[in-house]
Amino acid sequence: MNFELKTRQKGDVTVIDFYGPITLGVASSVIRNAVREVLEMGSRKILLNLQNVGYIDSYGIGEMVAGYSSVRNAGGSLKLLSLNHRVKEMLAITNLLPIFDVQEDEARGVLSFS
């Protein structure tokens, strides 16, 4: 499966929907660029929807952490949405799961920024 993403607005929250594995190469640089573009547009509330991500490698996790740091440094908040078991396990193994605010439901995820 190829990697792609789509960006959409839910009120003042920017939702970035990811499709496909997040691994070293194109997928990871696309994530970094997408987060940077959203910040440049002025959005400070970002929800990364990982519902359709079946796998993430350590490089992809590193890019998510870099995105998280960039958003925090810009005075914003980045949260994760709909992690499957494999992605959640990878974040747990790397001890990063407690760092991220993980939401299971999009409506609640959007409301959590209030």
N, C-alpha and C. Protein backbone atom coordinates (compact mmCIF):
# COMPACT_ATOMS: atom_id res chain seq x y z
N MET A 1 0.84 -1.18 0.00
CA MET A 1 0.00 0.00 0.00
C MET A 1 0.88 1.25 0.00
N ASN A 2 0.57 2.19 -0.84
CA ASN A 2 1.28 3.46 -0.89
C ASN A 2 0.84 4.35 0.25
N PHE A 3 1.71 5.26 0.60
CA PHE A 3 1.41 6.20 1.67
C PHE A 3 0.79 7.46 1.09
N GLU A 4 -0.22 7.98 1.77
CA GLU A 4 -0.77 9.29 1.43
C GLU A 4 -1.38 9.91 2.67
N LEU A 5 -1.65 11.20 2.58
CA LEU A 5 -2.31 11.88 3.69
C LEU A 5 -3.27 12.92 3.14
N LYS A 6 -4.23 13.26 3.96
CA LYS A 6 -5.21 14.30 3.64
C LYS A 6 -5.37 15.18 4.86
N THR A 7 -5.46 16.48 4.63
CA THR A 7 -5.63 17.44 5.71
C THR A 7 -7.02 18.05 5.61
N ARG A 8 -7.67 18.17 6.75
CA ARG A 8 -9.02 18.75 6.79
C ARG A 8 -9.21 19.50 8.10
N GLN A 9 -10.22 20.35 8.13
CA GLN A 9 -10.52 21.15 9.31
C GLN A 9 -11.78 20.64 10.00
N LYS A 10 -11.74 20.60 11.31
CA LYS A 10 -12.89 20.35 12.17
C LYS A 10 -12.93 21.50 13.16
N GLY A 11 -13.63 22.57 12.77
CA GLY A 11 -13.61 23.78 13.58
C GLY A 11 -12.22 24.38 13.52
N ASP A 12 -11.62 24.63 14.69
CA ASP A 12 -10.27 25.19 14.72
C ASP A 12 -9.18 24.12 14.88
N VAL A 13 -9.57 22.86 14.72
CA VAL A 13 -8.62 21.74 14.81
C VAL A 13 -8.31 21.24 13.40
N THR A 14 -7.03 21.09 13.11
CA THR A 14 -6.61 20.51 11.84
C THR A 14 -6.40 19.02 12.04
N VAL A 15 -7.11 18.22 11.24
CA VAL A 15 -6.99 16.77 11.29
C VAL A 15 -6.17 16.34 10.08
N ILE A 16 -5.11 15.59 10.33
CA ILE A 16 -4.31 15.03 9.23
C ILE A 16 -4.55 13.53 9.24
N ASP A 17 -5.19 13.04 8.17
CA ASP A 17 -5.49 11.62 8.02
C ASP A 17 -4.34 10.95 7.28
N PHE A 18 -3.77 9.90 7.85
CA PHE A 18 -2.68 9.16 7.23
C PHE A 18 -3.19 7.83 6.71
N TYR A 19 -2.69 7.42 5.56
CA TYR A 19 -3.07 6.16 4.93
C TYR A 19 -1.80 5.43 4.51
N GLY A 20 -1.58 4.25 5.06
CA GLY A 20 -0.43 3.45 4.69
C GLY A 20 0.63 3.45 5.77
N PRO A 21 1.68 2.66 5.55
CA PRO A 21 2.75 2.55 6.55
C PRO A 21 3.57 3.83 6.64
N ILE A 22 4.00 4.15 7.86
CA ILE A 22 4.86 5.31 8.08
C ILE A 22 6.26 4.76 8.36
N THR A 23 7.10 4.84 7.34
CA THR A 23 8.42 4.25 7.42
C THR A 23 9.47 5.19 6.84
N LEU A 24 10.72 4.82 6.99
CA LEU A 24 11.84 5.58 6.46
C LEU A 24 11.60 5.90 5.00
N GLY A 25 11.84 7.14 4.62
CA GLY A 25 11.68 7.53 3.22
C GLY A 25 10.59 8.55 3.04
N VAL A 26 9.85 8.38 1.99
CA VAL A 26 8.84 9.37 1.58
C VAL A 26 7.81 9.64 2.68
N ALA A 27 7.29 8.61 3.30
CA ALA A 27 6.22 8.79 4.28
C ALA A 27 6.65 9.69 5.43
N SER A 28 7.84 9.49 5.93
CA SER A 28 8.27 10.28 7.08
C SER A 28 8.50 11.74 6.72
N SER A 29 9.10 12.02 5.57
CA SER A 29 9.32 13.41 5.21
C SER A 29 8.00 14.11 4.90
N VAL A 30 7.02 13.38 4.40
CA VAL A 30 5.71 13.96 4.14
C VAL A 30 5.05 14.37 5.45
N ILE A 31 5.20 13.58 6.49
CA ILE A 31 4.65 13.92 7.80
C ILE A 31 5.27 15.22 8.31
N ARG A 32 6.57 15.29 8.26
CA ARG A 32 7.28 16.48 8.73
C ARG A 32 6.82 17.72 7.97
N ASN A 33 6.73 17.60 6.65
CA ASN A 33 6.30 18.73 5.83
C ASN A 33 4.85 19.11 6.11
N ALA A 34 3.98 18.12 6.31
CA ALA A 34 2.56 18.40 6.58
C ALA A 34 2.40 19.16 7.89
N VAL A 35 3.10 18.73 8.92
CA VAL A 35 3.01 19.41 10.22
C VAL A 35 3.55 20.83 10.09
N ARG A 36 4.66 21.00 9.39
CA ARG A 36 5.23 22.34 9.21
C ARG A 36 4.26 23.25 8.45
N GLU A 37 3.64 22.73 7.39
CA GLU A 37 2.69 23.54 6.62
C GLU A 37 1.49 23.96 7.46
N VAL A 38 0.99 23.05 8.27
CA VAL A 38 -0.15 23.36 9.13
C VAL A 38 0.23 24.46 10.12
N LEU A 39 1.43 24.37 10.69
CA LEU A 39 1.89 25.40 11.61
C LEU A 39 2.05 26.74 10.89
N GLU A 40 2.58 26.71 9.68
CA GLU A 40 2.75 27.94 8.91
C GLU A 40 1.42 28.61 8.57
N MET A 41 0.37 27.80 8.44
CA MET A 41 -0.97 28.34 8.17
C MET A 41 -1.61 28.92 9.43
N GLY A 42 -0.96 28.73 10.58
CA GLY A 42 -1.45 29.31 11.81
C GLY A 42 -2.21 28.37 12.73
N SER A 43 -2.41 27.15 12.32
CA SER A 43 -3.12 26.20 13.17
C SER A 43 -2.20 25.72 14.29
N ARG A 44 -2.72 25.68 15.49
CA ARG A 44 -1.94 25.23 16.64
C ARG A 44 -2.59 24.03 17.33
N LYS A 45 -3.68 23.53 16.76
CA LYS A 45 -4.37 22.35 17.29
C LYS A 45 -4.37 21.31 16.17
N ILE A 46 -3.57 20.27 16.36
CA ILE A 46 -3.37 19.28 15.31
C ILE A 46 -3.68 17.89 15.85
N LEU A 47 -4.49 17.17 15.10
CA LEU A 47 -4.89 15.81 15.44
C LEU A 47 -4.42 14.89 14.31
N LEU A 48 -3.49 13.98 14.62
CA LEU A 48 -2.98 13.04 13.63
C LEU A 48 -3.81 11.77 13.69
N ASN A 49 -4.58 11.53 12.62
CA ASN A 49 -5.45 10.35 12.55
C ASN A 49 -4.65 9.19 11.96
N LEU A 50 -4.37 8.19 12.78
CA LEU A 50 -3.56 7.04 12.38
C LEU A 50 -4.40 5.78 12.20
N GLN A 51 -5.68 5.95 12.03
CA GLN A 51 -6.59 4.81 11.90
C GLN A 51 -6.20 3.88 10.76
N ASN A 52 -5.71 4.42 9.66
CA ASN A 52 -5.38 3.62 8.49
C ASN A 52 -3.88 3.39 8.32
N VAL A 53 -3.16 3.45 9.45
CA VAL A 53 -1.72 3.17 9.45
C VAL A 53 -1.53 1.80 10.07
N GLY A 54 -1.12 0.84 9.27
CA GLY A 54 -0.93 -0.51 9.77
C GLY A 54 0.41 -0.75 10.42
N TYR A 55 1.39 0.09 10.08
CA TYR A 55 2.74 -0.13 10.60
C TYR A 55 3.47 1.20 10.66
N ILE A 56 4.29 1.36 11.68
CA ILE A 56 5.16 2.51 11.80
C ILE A 56 6.51 2.02 12.30
N ASP A 57 7.59 2.45 11.64
CA ASP A 57 8.91 2.03 12.10
C ASP A 57 9.52 3.10 13.00
N SER A 58 10.72 2.84 13.48
CA SER A 58 11.35 3.77 14.43
C SER A 58 11.60 5.14 13.80
N TYR A 59 11.89 5.18 12.53
CA TYR A 59 12.09 6.46 11.87
C TYR A 59 10.78 7.25 11.82
N GLY A 60 9.69 6.58 11.51
CA GLY A 60 8.38 7.23 11.50
C GLY A 60 8.01 7.76 12.88
N ILE A 61 8.31 7.00 13.91
CA ILE A 61 8.05 7.45 15.27
C ILE A 61 8.91 8.68 15.58
N GLY A 62 10.15 8.65 15.14
CA GLY A 62 11.02 9.80 15.34
C GLY A 62 10.46 11.05 14.68
N GLU A 63 9.88 10.90 13.51
CA GLU A 63 9.28 12.03 12.81
C GLU A 63 8.03 12.54 13.55
N MET A 64 7.27 11.63 14.14
CA MET A 64 6.10 12.06 14.93
C MET A 64 6.56 12.82 16.17
N VAL A 65 7.62 12.37 16.79
CA VAL A 65 8.16 13.07 17.97
C VAL A 65 8.67 14.45 17.56
N ALA A 66 9.35 14.54 16.43
CA ALA A 66 9.83 15.83 15.93
C ALA A 66 8.65 16.76 15.66
N GLY A 67 7.58 16.23 15.06
CA GLY A 67 6.39 17.03 14.81
C GLY A 67 5.76 17.50 16.11
N TYR A 68 5.70 16.62 17.07
CA TYR A 68 5.16 16.96 18.39
C TYR A 68 5.96 18.11 19.01
N SER A 69 7.29 18.00 18.94
CA SER A 69 8.15 19.05 19.50
C SER A 69 7.97 20.37 18.78
N SER A 70 7.87 20.33 17.46
CA SER A 70 7.68 21.55 16.68
C SER A 70 6.38 22.25 17.05
N VAL A 71 5.32 21.47 17.20
CA VAL A 71 4.02 22.04 17.55
C VAL A 71 4.06 22.62 18.96
N ARG A 72 4.65 21.90 19.89
CA ARG A 72 4.76 22.40 21.27
C ARG A 72 5.59 23.68 21.32
N ASN A 73 6.70 23.72 20.59
CA ASN A 73 7.55 24.91 20.56
C ASN A 73 6.84 26.10 19.94
N ALA A 74 5.85 25.84 19.10
CA ALA A 74 5.07 26.92 18.48
C ALA A 74 3.86 27.30 19.34
N GLY A 75 3.76 26.70 20.52
CA GLY A 75 2.67 27.02 21.43
C GLY A 75 1.39 26.26 21.15
N GLY A 76 1.52 25.16 20.41
CA GLY A 76 0.34 24.39 20.05
C GLY A 76 0.29 23.04 20.73
N SER A 77 -0.65 22.23 20.26
CA SER A 77 -0.86 20.90 20.82
C SER A 77 -1.08 19.90 19.68
N LEU A 78 -0.38 18.78 19.75
CA LEU A 78 -0.53 17.72 18.76
C LEU A 78 -0.98 16.47 19.48
N LYS A 79 -2.06 15.86 18.99
CA LYS A 79 -2.60 14.65 19.60
C LYS A 79 -2.73 13.57 18.53
N LEU A 80 -2.79 12.33 18.99
CA LEU A 80 -2.92 11.18 18.09
C LEU A 80 -4.33 10.62 18.19
N LEU A 81 -4.81 10.10 17.08
CA LEU A 81 -6.18 9.57 17.01
C LEU A 81 -6.17 8.17 16.41
N SER A 82 -6.94 7.29 17.02
CA SER A 82 -7.25 5.95 16.49
C SER A 82 -6.02 5.11 16.18
N LEU A 83 -5.24 4.85 17.19
CA LEU A 83 -4.08 3.98 17.02
C LEU A 83 -4.51 2.52 16.99
N ASN A 84 -4.00 1.76 16.03
CA ASN A 84 -4.27 0.33 16.06
C ASN A 84 -3.31 -0.33 17.04
N HIS A 85 -3.49 -1.60 17.27
CA HIS A 85 -2.71 -2.32 18.28
C HIS A 85 -1.20 -2.26 17.98
N ARG A 86 -0.80 -2.45 16.73
CA ARG A 86 0.62 -2.48 16.37
C ARG A 86 1.29 -1.13 16.62
N VAL A 87 0.61 -0.06 16.23
CA VAL A 87 1.18 1.28 16.41
C VAL A 87 1.25 1.62 17.90
N LYS A 88 0.19 1.31 18.62
CA LYS A 88 0.17 1.56 20.07
C LYS A 88 1.28 0.76 20.76
N GLU A 89 1.48 -0.47 20.34
CA GLU A 89 2.52 -1.31 20.92
C GLU A 89 3.91 -0.74 20.64
N MET A 90 4.12 -0.24 19.42
CA MET A 90 5.41 0.35 19.07
C MET A 90 5.70 1.59 19.93
N LEU A 91 4.68 2.41 20.14
CA LEU A 91 4.85 3.59 21.00
C LEU A 91 5.10 3.17 22.45
N ALA A 92 4.47 2.10 22.89
CA ALA A 92 4.67 1.61 24.26
C ALA A 92 6.08 1.06 24.43
N ILE A 93 6.56 0.30 23.45
CA ILE A 93 7.90 -0.28 23.52
C ILE A 93 8.96 0.80 23.61
N THR A 94 8.74 1.90 22.90
CA THR A 94 9.71 3.00 22.89
C THR A 94 9.49 3.98 24.04
N ASN A 95 8.57 3.66 24.93
CA ASN A 95 8.23 4.51 26.08
C ASN A 95 7.73 5.90 25.68
N LEU A 96 7.12 6.00 24.52
CA LEU A 96 6.60 7.28 24.05
C LEU A 96 5.08 7.39 24.20
N LEU A 97 4.42 6.30 24.49
CA LEU A 97 2.96 6.34 24.61
C LEU A 97 2.49 7.34 25.66
N PRO A 98 3.14 7.42 26.83
CA PRO A 98 2.68 8.39 27.83
C PRO A 98 2.88 9.86 27.42
N ILE A 99 3.77 10.10 26.48
CA ILE A 99 4.04 11.47 26.04
C ILE A 99 2.90 12.02 25.19
N PHE A 100 2.34 11.18 24.35
CA PHE A 100 1.29 11.61 23.44
C PHE A 100 -0.08 11.52 24.09
N ASP A 101 -0.92 12.48 23.79
CA ASP A 101 -2.33 12.43 24.17
C ASP A 101 -3.01 11.63 23.06
N VAL A 102 -3.48 10.42 23.38
CA VAL A 102 -4.07 9.52 22.39
C VAL A 102 -5.58 9.52 22.57
N GLN A 103 -6.29 9.81 21.50
CA GLN A 103 -7.75 9.83 21.49
C GLN A 103 -8.26 8.66 20.65
N GLU A 104 -9.35 8.06 21.07
CA GLU A 104 -9.90 6.93 20.34
C GLU A 104 -11.03 7.33 19.39
N ASP A 105 -11.65 8.47 19.64
CA ASP A 105 -12.82 8.90 18.88
C ASP A 105 -12.56 10.32 18.36
N GLU A 106 -12.84 10.56 17.07
CA GLU A 106 -12.54 11.87 16.48
C GLU A 106 -13.31 13.01 17.15
N ALA A 107 -14.58 12.82 17.40
CA ALA A 107 -15.37 13.88 18.03
C ALA A 107 -14.80 14.25 19.39
N ARG A 108 -14.46 13.25 20.19
CA ARG A 108 -13.87 13.53 21.50
C ARG A 108 -12.46 14.11 21.35
N GLY A 109 -11.75 13.67 20.34
CA GLY A 109 -10.42 14.21 20.09
C GLY A 109 -10.47 15.69 19.78
N VAL A 110 -11.42 16.09 18.96
CA VAL A 110 -11.58 17.51 18.63
C VAL A 110 -11.97 18.29 19.87
N LEU A 111 -12.90 17.75 20.64
CA LEU A 111 -13.34 18.43 21.88
C LEU A 111 -12.23 18.52 22.92
N SER A 112 -11.29 17.59 22.87
CA SER A 112 -10.23 17.59 23.88
C SER A 112 -9.30 18.80 23.79
N PHE A 113 -9.36 19.53 22.70
CA PHE A 113 -8.53 20.74 22.55
C PHE A 113 -9.16 21.95 23.26
N SER A 114 -10.42 21.81 23.66
CA SER A 114 -11.12 22.95 24.29
C SER A 114 -10.63 23.22 25.70
